[in-house]
């Protein structure tokens, strides 16, 4: 085989490699998205989002029942209380969401806060969890919605888990207990800036 044939073979192999390698890289990144370091959000996207209807949530107390309509058309920060006790992580998460709302400044009217209580608890017990939080909405999910949320964590929702719901009622991003409110603020600011609703 002469030099010209060798050069031609190398050229053909180079062209083949240039056309196939990008597809292999793209396939790998699609199968392993966690390897891409350039993500811009701090929360974990819920894919696909968990859709909700107004009938999926009921007010946990009289105030919440009367004001449940305030959730419609707004971004909602939801603290989850998965058990009959709100432990330290749970209480810290509720406090952080209160501080987070205050940090949102002019966008404050576009956002509401809620706690989602999974288990039945007495009024005396739950009153201590948010005694100085008069505007906090307390909601209870129906069984179907609760199961969808539990499926995110293979049936074990941790105390202090935090979820964002969009103005259409889609649960679309969640945060682990101990989340940094400044990082949530960053995500929420981006969402509010691109949102045409709520």
Protein backbone atom coordinates (compact mmCIF):
# COMPACT_ATOMS: atom_id res chain seq x y z
CA UNK A 1 0.00 0.00 0.00
CA UNK A 2 1.52 3.32 -1.03
CA UNK A 3 1.61 6.55 0.94
CA UNK A 4 -1.31 8.09 -0.97
CA UNK A 5 -3.61 5.17 -0.06
CA UNK A 6 -2.61 5.41 3.60
CA UNK A 7 -3.36 9.13 3.60
CA UNK A 8 -6.75 8.48 1.99
CA UNK A 9 -7.60 5.84 4.60
CA UNK A 10 -6.64 8.19 7.44
CA UNK A 11 -8.76 10.94 5.89
CA UNK A 12 -11.78 8.62 5.61
CA UNK A 13 -11.34 7.48 9.22
CA UNK A 14 -11.02 11.11 10.38
CA UNK A 15 -14.23 12.12 8.56
CA UNK A 16 -16.04 9.08 9.97
CA UNK A 17 -14.84 9.92 13.50
CA UNK A 18 -15.85 13.57 13.16
CA UNK A 19 -19.37 12.57 12.17
CA UNK A 20 -19.90 9.76 14.71
CA UNK A 21 -18.16 11.03 17.86
CA UNK A 22 -20.54 14.03 18.44
CA UNK A 23 -23.51 11.64 18.36
CA UNK A 24 -21.85 9.33 20.88
CA UNK A 25 -21.13 12.29 23.19
CA UNK A 26 -24.69 13.61 22.83
CA UNK A 27 -26.14 10.17 23.59
CA UNK A 28 -23.94 9.81 26.68
CA UNK A 29 -24.92 13.24 28.04
CA UNK A 30 -28.60 12.50 27.42
CA UNK A 31 -28.29 9.25 29.37
CA UNK A 32 -26.19 10.83 32.17
CA UNK A 33 -27.39 14.47 32.60
CA UNK A 34 -25.80 14.69 36.06
CA UNK A 35 -22.38 14.88 34.39
CA UNK A 36 -23.15 18.32 32.96
CA UNK A 37 -21.80 20.83 35.46
CA UNK A 38 -23.38 23.93 33.94
CA UNK A 39 -26.83 23.60 35.46
CA UNK A 40 -28.39 26.88 36.46
CA UNK A 41 -30.87 25.82 39.14
CA UNK A 42 -30.21 24.66 42.68
CA UNK A 43 -33.41 22.71 43.22
CA UNK A 44 -34.20 19.36 41.65
CA UNK A 45 -36.67 19.58 38.79
CA UNK A 46 -39.67 17.29 39.07
CA UNK A 47 -39.86 15.58 35.68
CA UNK A 48 -42.61 15.31 34.66
CA UNK A 49 -44.19 17.92 36.94
CA UNK A 50 -46.88 16.71 39.34
CA UNK A 51 -50.12 18.33 38.21
CA UNK A 52 -52.73 19.31 40.76
CA UNK A 53 -56.36 20.33 40.68
CA UNK A 54 -58.02 22.66 43.16
CA UNK A 55 -59.91 19.71 44.58
CA UNK A 56 -56.60 17.94 45.43
CA UNK A 57 -56.03 20.31 48.36
CA UNK A 58 -58.29 21.14 51.27
CA UNK A 59 -57.80 23.69 54.01
CA UNK A 60 -56.43 22.26 57.24
CA UNK A 61 -58.11 24.91 59.38
CA UNK A 62 -60.81 27.55 58.96
CA UNK A 63 -58.41 30.33 57.89
CA UNK A 64 -56.85 28.10 55.23
CA UNK A 65 -60.24 26.88 53.95
CA UNK A 66 -61.44 30.46 53.57
CA UNK A 67 -58.26 31.60 51.80
CA UNK A 68 -57.42 28.54 49.67
CA UNK A 69 -58.25 30.53 46.54
CA UNK A 70 -55.11 32.63 47.11
CA UNK A 71 -53.01 29.74 45.78
CA UNK A 72 -54.56 30.01 42.33
CA UNK A 73 -52.47 31.95 39.84
CA UNK A 74 -49.53 32.42 42.21
CA UNK A 75 -46.18 30.74 42.78
CA UNK A 76 -46.45 28.71 45.97
CA UNK A 77 -43.66 27.70 48.35
CA UNK A 78 -44.74 24.51 50.08
CA UNK A 79 -43.23 23.03 53.24
CA UNK A 80 -44.04 19.35 53.67
CA UNK A 81 -44.99 17.84 57.02
CA UNK A 82 -45.04 14.11 56.24
CA UNK A 83 -45.68 12.79 59.76
CA UNK A 84 -47.73 13.64 62.83
CA UNK A 85 -44.76 15.50 64.30
CA UNK A 86 -42.93 18.52 62.91
CA UNK A 87 -39.33 17.94 63.98
CA UNK A 88 -36.39 20.39 64.00
CA UNK A 89 -35.79 20.11 60.22
CA UNK A 90 -39.47 20.67 59.58
CA UNK A 91 -39.70 23.79 61.80
CA UNK A 92 -36.46 25.16 60.33
CA UNK A 93 -37.84 24.72 56.81
CA UNK A 94 -41.03 26.62 57.70
CA UNK A 95 -38.97 29.43 59.23
CA UNK A 96 -36.70 29.60 56.16
CA UNK A 97 -39.69 29.85 53.82
CA UNK A 98 -41.01 32.77 55.88
CA UNK A 99 -37.65 34.56 55.61
CA UNK A 100 -37.48 33.70 51.91
CA UNK A 101 -40.82 35.35 51.24
CA UNK A 102 -39.60 38.55 52.91
CA UNK A 103 -36.45 38.46 50.73
CA UNK A 104 -38.53 38.52 47.54
CA UNK A 105 -39.24 42.26 47.83
CA UNK A 106 -41.48 43.59 45.06
CA UNK A 107 -42.35 40.05 43.91
CA UNK A 108 -43.83 39.22 47.30
CA UNK A 109 -47.43 39.60 46.02
CA UNK A 110 -46.83 36.95 43.31
CA UNK A 111 -45.98 34.28 45.89
CA UNK A 112 -47.86 32.46 48.67
CA UNK A 113 -46.63 30.10 51.35
CA UNK A 114 -48.26 26.90 52.46
CA UNK A 115 -47.53 23.88 54.57
CA UNK A 116 -48.82 20.53 53.37
CA UNK A 117 -49.79 18.26 56.25
CA UNK A 118 -49.95 14.54 55.43
CA UNK A 119 -51.02 13.10 58.79
CA UNK A 120 -53.89 14.08 61.04
CA UNK A 121 -52.78 16.12 64.04
CA UNK A 122 -54.66 17.95 66.77
CA UNK A 123 -55.17 21.71 66.69
CA UNK A 124 -53.12 22.09 69.88
CA UNK A 125 -50.19 20.16 68.41
CA UNK A 126 -50.03 21.91 65.07
CA UNK A 127 -50.67 25.37 66.54
CA UNK A 128 -47.19 25.35 68.12
CA UNK A 129 -45.54 24.77 64.72
CA UNK A 130 -46.67 28.12 63.27
CA UNK A 131 -48.01 30.06 66.25
CA UNK A 132 -46.60 33.41 65.03
CA UNK A 133 -47.27 32.85 61.33
CA UNK A 134 -50.82 34.10 60.88
CA UNK A 135 -50.76 34.31 57.03
CA UNK A 136 -49.44 30.79 56.47
CA UNK A 137 -51.89 28.54 54.62
CA UNK A 138 -52.21 24.98 55.90
CA UNK A 139 -53.39 22.41 53.38
CA UNK A 140 -53.98 18.68 53.27
CA UNK A 141 -53.50 16.75 50.00
CA UNK A 142 -55.92 14.07 48.90
CA UNK A 143 -54.61 10.51 48.87
CA UNK A 144 -53.77 10.49 45.13
CA UNK A 145 -51.64 13.64 45.37
CA UNK A 146 -49.93 12.43 48.53
CA UNK A 147 -48.93 9.19 46.79
CA UNK A 148 -47.47 11.14 43.83
CA UNK A 149 -45.36 13.26 46.18
CA UNK A 150 -44.24 10.21 48.18
CA UNK A 151 -43.20 8.54 44.91
CA UNK A 152 -40.57 11.30 44.44
CA UNK A 153 -38.74 9.86 47.44
CA UNK A 154 -39.65 6.19 47.05
CA UNK A 155 -42.35 6.51 49.71
CA UNK A 156 -40.21 8.23 52.37
CA UNK A 157 -40.70 12.01 52.31
CA UNK A 158 -38.10 13.63 54.61
CA UNK A 159 -38.98 16.23 57.23
CA UNK A 160 -38.08 19.68 55.92
CA UNK A 161 -38.56 18.91 52.22
CA UNK A 162 -39.60 22.01 50.28
CA UNK A 163 -41.48 22.22 46.95
CA UNK A 164 -42.22 25.02 44.47
CA UNK A 165 -45.60 25.03 42.72
CA UNK A 166 -46.15 27.14 39.60
CA UNK A 167 -49.24 29.34 39.03
CA UNK A 168 -50.92 26.55 37.04
CA UNK A 169 -50.75 24.19 40.01
CA UNK A 170 -47.79 22.08 38.85
CA UNK A 171 -45.33 20.88 41.50
CA UNK A 172 -42.17 21.50 39.50
CA UNK A 173 -39.09 21.75 41.75
CA UNK A 174 -38.10 20.39 45.13
CA UNK A 175 -35.34 20.96 47.68
CA UNK A 176 -33.82 18.69 50.30
CA UNK A 177 -34.04 19.41 54.04
CA UNK A 178 -31.47 21.99 55.13
CA UNK A 179 -31.84 23.91 51.85
CA UNK A 180 -30.17 27.30 51.49
CA UNK A 181 -32.90 29.99 51.18
CA UNK A 182 -30.57 32.20 49.13
CA UNK A 183 -30.27 29.47 46.51
CA UNK A 184 -34.05 29.03 46.46
CA UNK A 185 -34.35 32.80 46.06
CA UNK A 186 -32.02 32.63 43.05
CA UNK A 187 -34.14 29.92 41.43
CA UNK A 188 -37.40 31.70 42.22
CA UNK A 189 -36.15 35.02 40.83
CA UNK A 190 -35.29 33.31 37.53
CA UNK A 191 -38.68 31.62 37.40
CA UNK A 192 -40.52 34.85 38.15
CA UNK A 193 -38.54 36.77 35.54
CA UNK A 194 -39.50 34.38 32.75
CA UNK A 195 -43.03 33.62 33.95
CA UNK A 196 -45.83 35.14 31.90
CA UNK A 197 -48.38 34.16 34.52
CA UNK A 198 -48.52 34.57 38.26
